[in-house]
Amino acid sequence: MKIAFFTEGGYTGKVPRNHPNMRTDVAWICALDAIHYPINQIHMVNEQFDLGIVIIPKNKEALYDYPLIKNMRSVCKKIATMQESTYWYWQGGSVQTQLWYHSILQDMDIIYCHNDMDLKYYKGITDVECRLLPTLMITDHVKTYEGERKGVMVGGNWVTAYRGFDSYIIGKILSDNITSPTTGRMKSDETLLDINHLPWIQWLDWMYELSKCKYGVQLGTAAAGTFNLNCAYLGIPCIGYDNVNTQKYLHPDLSVPDGDIEQARKIAEKLRKDENFYLYCSKVAKENYKELYHENKFNTTFSEQFKIS
């Protein structure tokens, strides 16, 4: 199958397996052996594809006058979109933006979703075929820290999308040594907190820094769940909300309903005090990753979905 991928990235071509910033969308492009094109240059593509997948950028206004659907269909037999961020994030825009975005969704043949909840949402607001694919990591070139793991990594800062306050409260129960990635969106006064701020780094460097930590906490908004997935691959027990598939299936004993900080506190206390429980959760995470989220699982699921489409 010949696949094209369209994002706001400014490059054209395939993604090598040693790419240093193998975040979710880049991993998809690599695993699917797709050719990437900038989203605003689809009209310049002179090849034909079986499938075109687009990630609709957050800055949607730039595409209002661009015939996205027409241009995709001119070069692709089927067109799809890969969910960007949380299922509701686009509702923060103007009414015009929301109506435009919804019309784009309705014109797709396929919507690829991250979580069980997302699948139900997109099935409810569109008449489009919605498919669930496991969040993907390509781990060929991941290097890990070999020393003693210490402290806790919280999965995001204090902006609304990451809800870092909740993760901070639980992180303090686990350790006084807390690290948070800035993700390029850190609030100006976050320096008041007694935490280590990790600057924006490439994904391979991020994995190395994460591997230094003993615990993970991600009590934030449900999206692709890459933080929870990264922790599982490294065998780092992660406390998080069960509306994220990578949390629910990879860290089942550490998952709580959205907003249930009381239960998260109890789990954090047990995880810190009970070494056997910690080792068990670490083992389960690594085993479940291999069974449910290995790259082979992604490729098999993707292929099987197309056999019956």
Protein backbone atom coordinates (compact mmCIF):
# COMPACT_ATOMS: atom_id res chain seq x y z
CA MET A 1 0.00 0.00 0.00
CA LYS A 2 1.28 3.43 -0.96
CA ILE A 3 0.62 6.05 1.72
CA ALA A 4 1.05 9.82 1.87
CA PHE A 5 1.13 11.83 5.09
CA PHE A 6 0.32 15.53 5.27
CA THR A 7 1.21 17.79 8.22
CA GLU A 8 2.39 21.36 8.81
CA GLY A 9 5.97 20.04 8.88
CA GLY A 10 8.07 21.71 6.23
CA TYR A 11 9.80 18.66 4.78
CA THR A 12 9.12 16.23 1.93
CA GLY A 13 10.11 12.56 1.95
CA LYS A 14 10.26 9.48 4.15
CA VAL A 15 11.38 9.28 7.78
CA PRO A 16 14.47 7.15 8.60
CA ARG A 17 14.34 4.83 11.59
CA ASN A 18 17.18 6.73 13.27
CA HIS A 19 15.23 10.00 13.26
CA PRO A 20 16.09 11.78 16.56
CA ASN A 21 12.62 13.22 17.18
CA MET A 22 10.39 10.17 16.71
CA ARG A 23 7.24 11.64 18.25
CA THR A 24 3.88 10.01 17.50
CA ASP A 25 3.16 11.41 14.04
CA VAL A 26 6.76 10.91 12.88
CA ALA A 27 6.64 7.31 14.13
CA TRP A 28 3.48 6.72 12.07
CA ILE A 29 5.14 8.07 8.94
CA CYS A 30 8.16 5.84 9.53
CA ALA A 31 6.24 2.65 10.39
CA LEU A 32 3.87 3.04 7.44
CA ASP A 33 6.75 3.80 5.07
CA ALA A 34 4.75 6.85 4.05
CA ILE A 35 5.93 9.88 2.11
CA HIS A 36 5.44 13.16 3.97
CA TYR A 37 4.38 16.39 2.29
CA PRO A 38 3.65 19.83 3.80
CA ILE A 39 -0.10 20.24 4.15
CA ASN A 40 -0.16 23.46 2.13
CA GLN A 41 1.62 21.85 -0.83
CA ILE A 42 -0.70 18.92 -1.58
CA HIS A 43 -1.68 20.56 -4.86
CA MET A 44 1.96 20.20 -5.97
CA VAL A 45 2.11 16.41 -5.41
CA ASN A 46 2.48 14.51 -8.70
CA GLU A 47 2.10 10.94 -7.39
CA GLN A 48 -0.95 8.80 -6.68
CA PHE A 49 -1.53 7.08 -3.32
CA ASP A 50 -3.83 4.42 -1.92
CA LEU A 51 -4.28 6.41 1.30
CA GLY A 52 -3.59 9.95 2.41
CA ILE A 53 -3.50 10.80 6.12
CA VAL A 54 -3.61 14.40 7.31
CA ILE A 55 -3.04 15.97 10.72
CA ILE A 56 -5.09 19.15 10.79
CA PRO A 57 -2.88 21.81 12.42
CA LYS A 58 -3.95 23.85 15.43
CA ASN A 59 -3.58 27.02 13.33
CA LYS A 60 -6.56 26.14 11.17
CA GLU A 61 -7.28 29.67 9.94
CA ALA A 62 -4.39 29.36 7.47
CA LEU A 63 -6.34 26.59 5.70
CA TYR A 64 -9.75 28.26 5.42
CA ASP A 65 -9.22 29.13 1.76
CA TYR A 66 -7.19 26.02 0.91
CA PRO A 67 -9.16 23.23 -0.84
CA LEU A 68 -7.81 20.52 1.46
CA ILE A 69 -10.33 17.78 0.69
CA LYS A 70 -10.30 18.42 -3.08
CA ASN A 71 -6.50 18.35 -3.19
CA MET A 72 -6.24 15.19 -1.08
CA ARG A 73 -8.77 13.35 -3.21
CA SER A 74 -6.93 14.36 -6.38
CA VAL A 75 -3.91 12.27 -5.30
CA CYS A 76 -5.36 9.70 -2.84
CA LYS A 77 -7.94 6.91 -3.32
CA LYS A 78 -8.93 7.20 0.34
CA ILE A 79 -8.37 10.08 2.74
CA ALA A 80 -8.08 10.03 6.51
CA THR A 81 -7.19 12.23 9.44
CA MET A 82 -5.14 11.30 12.49
CA GLN A 83 -6.55 12.75 15.71
CA GLU A 84 -4.56 15.73 16.95
CA SER A 85 -4.41 16.28 20.72
CA THR A 86 -7.55 15.74 22.81
CA TYR A 87 -10.86 15.07 21.10
CA TRP A 88 -12.23 18.45 22.21
CA TYR A 89 -9.24 20.78 21.72
CA TRP A 90 -10.58 22.31 18.49
CA GLN A 91 -13.63 23.63 20.35
CA GLY A 92 -11.46 26.36 21.81
CA GLY A 93 -11.53 28.18 18.48
CA SER A 94 -14.13 30.52 17.02
CA VAL A 95 -17.50 29.22 15.89
CA GLN A 96 -16.29 29.54 12.29
CA THR A 97 -13.25 27.41 13.11
CA GLN A 98 -15.36 24.75 14.80
CA LEU A 99 -17.78 24.52 11.90
CA TRP A 100 -14.91 24.36 9.40
CA TYR A 101 -13.14 21.64 11.38
CA HIS A 102 -16.30 19.56 11.68
CA SER A 103 -16.95 19.82 7.95
CA ILE A 104 -13.42 18.56 7.26
CA LEU A 105 -14.01 15.58 9.56
CA GLN A 106 -17.29 14.78 7.78
CA ASP A 107 -15.53 14.73 4.40
CA MET A 108 -12.98 12.12 5.48
CA ASP A 109 -13.22 8.41 4.71
CA ILE A 110 -11.50 7.44 7.98
CA ILE A 111 -10.77 9.07 11.33
CA TYR A 112 -7.92 7.49 13.32
CA CYS A 113 -8.42 7.78 17.09
CA HIS A 114 -6.20 7.34 20.16
CA ASN A 115 -8.50 6.09 22.93
CA ASP A 116 -11.73 4.14 23.43
CA MET A 117 -13.39 7.37 24.54
CA ASP A 118 -12.19 9.22 21.43
CA LEU A 119 -13.64 6.51 19.20
CA LYS A 120 -17.08 6.97 20.78
CA TYR A 121 -16.82 10.73 20.47
CA TYR A 122 -15.94 10.86 16.77
CA LYS A 123 -18.54 8.22 15.95
CA GLY A 124 -21.07 10.43 17.67
CA ILE A 125 -20.30 13.70 15.88
CA THR A 126 -19.67 12.30 12.37
CA ASP A 127 -20.91 9.64 9.97
CA VAL A 128 -17.34 8.65 9.14
CA GLU A 129 -15.69 5.28 9.75
CA CYS A 130 -13.61 5.65 12.92
CA ARG A 131 -10.69 3.36 13.71
CA LEU A 132 -8.62 2.88 16.85
CA LEU A 133 -4.88 2.32 16.46
CA PRO A 134 -2.44 1.73 19.33
CA THR A 135 -0.16 4.67 20.06
CA LEU A 136 3.21 3.97 18.50
CA MET A 137 6.85 4.05 19.56
CA ILE A 138 9.85 3.14 17.39
CA THR A 139 12.54 2.11 19.81
CA ASP A 140 15.47 1.03 17.61
CA HIS A 141 17.76 3.82 18.78
CA VAL A 142 16.50 4.43 22.32
CA LYS A 143 19.33 4.57 24.87
CA THR A 144 18.65 4.36 28.59
CA TYR A 145 20.38 5.49 31.76
CA GLU A 146 22.13 2.58 33.48
CA GLY A 147 22.45 4.08 36.96
CA GLU A 148 20.02 4.06 39.90
CA ARG A 149 16.65 5.55 39.07
CA LYS A 150 15.57 8.41 41.30
CA GLY A 151 12.74 10.90 41.56
CA VAL A 152 9.55 11.36 39.59
CA MET A 153 8.76 12.72 36.13
CA VAL A 154 5.39 14.44 35.83
CA GLY A 155 3.93 14.39 32.34
CA GLY A 156 3.42 18.05 31.59
CA ASN A 157 3.46 21.51 33.07
CA TRP A 158 0.83 23.82 34.56
CA VAL A 159 -1.02 24.87 31.41
CA THR A 160 -4.66 23.78 31.09
CA ALA A 161 -4.02 21.00 28.59
CA TYR A 162 -1.57 19.21 30.88
CA ARG A 163 -3.21 19.94 34.25
CA GLY A 164 0.20 19.80 35.88
CA PHE A 165 -1.05 20.81 39.32
CA ASP A 166 -2.70 17.42 39.88
CA SER A 167 0.42 15.55 38.79
CA TYR A 168 2.56 17.77 41.05
CA ILE A 169 0.42 17.02 44.12
CA ILE A 170 0.77 13.26 43.59
CA GLY A 171 4.41 13.54 42.56
CA LYS A 172 5.26 15.15 45.91
CA ILE A 173 4.01 12.01 47.68
CA LEU A 174 6.43 9.88 45.69
CA SER A 175 9.54 12.07 45.90
CA ASP A 176 10.82 15.57 46.57
CA ASN A 177 12.85 15.22 43.38
CA ILE A 178 10.34 16.19 40.69
CA THR A 179 11.10 16.89 37.04
CA SER A 180 8.70 18.36 34.49
CA PRO A 181 9.14 18.79 30.74
CA THR A 182 8.46 22.36 29.63
CA THR A 183 6.97 21.19 26.29
CA GLY A 184 7.49 24.73 25.03
CA ARG A 185 4.41 25.96 26.95
CA MET A 186 5.68 26.59 30.47
CA LYS A 187 3.98 29.37 32.41
CA SER A 188 6.30 32.27 33.21
CA ASP A 189 6.00 31.81 36.98
CA GLU A 190 6.51 28.03 37.06
CA THR A 191 10.05 28.78 38.24
CA LEU A 192 8.47 29.42 41.66
CA LEU A 193 7.95 25.67 42.02
CA ASP A 194 10.50 23.39 43.64
CA ILE A 195 10.83 21.21 40.56
CA ASN A 196 13.39 20.63 37.83
CA HIS A 197 12.33 21.99 34.44
CA LEU A 198 13.46 19.92 31.49
CA PRO A 199 13.91 22.09 28.38
CA TRP A 200 12.51 21.08 25.01
CA ILE A 201 14.68 18.26 23.66
CA GLN A 202 14.55 15.69 20.88
CA TRP A 203 12.52 12.56 21.58
CA LEU A 204 15.54 10.24 21.87
CA ASP A 205 17.07 12.62 24.44
CA TRP A 206 13.72 12.75 26.23
CA MET A 207 13.66 8.96 26.55
CA TYR A 208 17.13 8.99 28.08
CA GLU A 209 16.15 11.66 30.63
CA LEU A 210 12.93 9.82 31.47
CA SER A 211 14.88 6.59 32.05
CA LYS A 212 16.64 8.27 35.01
CA CYS A 213 13.35 8.48 36.94
CA LYS A 214 11.83 5.91 39.28
CA TYR A 215 8.20 7.05 38.98
CA GLY A 216 5.91 8.69 36.44
CA VAL A 217 2.72 10.70 36.99
CA GLN A 218 0.42 11.86 34.19
CA LEU A 219 -2.87 13.14 35.57
CA GLY A 220 -3.56 15.31 32.57
CA THR A 221 -5.80 15.58 29.56
CA ALA A 222 -6.39 12.42 27.51
CA ALA A 223 -4.59 12.51 24.16
CA ALA A 224 -2.26 9.99 22.50
CA GLY A 225 -0.86 8.85 25.85
CA THR A 226 2.77 8.87 24.76
CA PHE A 227 4.08 9.68 28.25
CA ASN A 228 2.32 6.67 29.77
CA LEU A 229 3.56 4.55 26.86
CA ASN A 230 7.15 5.75 27.21
CA CYS A 231 7.07 4.92 30.93
CA ALA A 232 5.77 1.40 30.26
CA TYR A 233 8.50 0.67 27.71
CA LEU A 234 11.10 1.70 30.31
CA GLY A 235 9.39 -0.20 33.13
CA ILE A 236 8.58 2.98 35.06
CA PRO A 237 5.30 2.67 37.00
CA CYS A 238 3.03 5.56 36.03
CA ILE A 239 -0.02 6.86 37.88
CA GLY A 240 -2.66 8.29 35.55
CA TYR A 241 -6.28 8.55 34.48
CA ASP A 242 -8.00 5.51 33.02
CA ASN A 243 -9.53 7.42 30.09
CA VAL A 244 -6.13 7.11 28.37
CA ASN A 245 -5.70 3.69 26.75
CA THR A 246 -1.95 3.54 27.26
CA GLN A 247 -2.53 4.15 30.96
CA LYS A 248 -5.48 1.80 31.38
CA TYR A 249 -3.89 -1.14 29.58
CA LEU A 250 -0.21 -0.68 30.46
CA HIS A 251 -0.53 0.46 34.10
CA PRO A 252 -3.82 -1.16 35.17
CA ASP A 253 -3.10 -1.12 38.92
CA LEU A 254 -2.07 2.54 38.82
CA SER A 255 -5.07 3.91 36.92
CA VAL A 256 -7.87 6.01 38.44
CA PRO A 257 -11.03 7.70 37.09
CA ASP A 258 -10.54 11.22 35.78
CA GLY A 259 -10.42 13.60 38.73
CA ASP A 260 -10.09 10.92 41.43
CA ILE A 261 -7.04 12.42 43.13
CA GLU A 262 -8.03 10.76 46.41
CA GLN A 263 -7.46 7.31 44.92
CA ALA A 264 -4.31 8.50 43.18
CA ARG A 265 -2.92 9.56 46.59
CA LYS A 266 -3.57 6.10 48.03
CA ILE A 267 -1.84 4.43 45.08
CA ALA A 268 1.14 6.78 45.35
CA GLU A 269 1.57 5.96 49.02
CA LYS A 270 1.52 2.23 48.28
CA LEU A 271 3.88 2.57 45.34
CA ARG A 272 6.41 4.49 47.48
CA LYS A 273 6.23 2.22 50.53
CA ASP A 274 5.74 -1.26 48.99
CA GLU A 275 8.79 -2.30 46.93
CA ASN A 276 7.13 -5.55 45.82
CA PHE A 277 4.16 -3.59 44.47
CA TYR A 278 6.54 -1.27 42.65
CA LEU A 279 8.41 -4.17 41.04
CA TYR A 280 5.14 -5.86 40.09
CA CYS A 281 3.81 -2.71 38.39
CA SER A 282 7.09 -2.27 36.54
CA LYS A 283 6.97 -5.86 35.30
CA VAL A 284 3.33 -5.62 34.20
CA ALA A 285 4.00 -2.40 32.29
CA LYS A 286 6.89 -3.88 30.31
CA GLU A 287 5.05 -7.12 29.57
CA ASN A 288 1.87 -5.35 28.47
CA TYR A 289 3.86 -3.01 26.25
CA LYS A 290 5.38 -5.95 24.39
CA GLU A 291 1.98 -7.61 23.98
CA LEU A 292 -0.22 -4.60 23.17
CA TYR A 293 1.91 -1.72 21.92
CA HIS A 294 4.96 -3.11 20.18
CA GLU A 295 5.44 -1.75 16.66
CA ASN A 296 4.42 -5.14 15.25
CA LYS A 297 1.01 -4.72 16.93
CA PHE A 298 0.52 -1.34 15.26
CA ASN A 299 1.44 -2.70 11.83
CA THR A 300 -0.76 -5.78 12.20
CA THR A 301 -3.77 -3.77 13.39
CA PHE A 302 -3.39 -1.25 10.58
CA SER A 303 -3.14 -3.99 7.92
CA GLU A 304 -6.10 -5.97 9.27
CA GLN A 305 -8.29 -2.87 9.32
CA PHE A 306 -7.63 -2.31 5.63
CA LYS A 307 -8.30 -5.93 4.69
CA ILE A 308 -11.89 -5.58 5.87
CA SER A 309 -12.47 -2.00 4.66
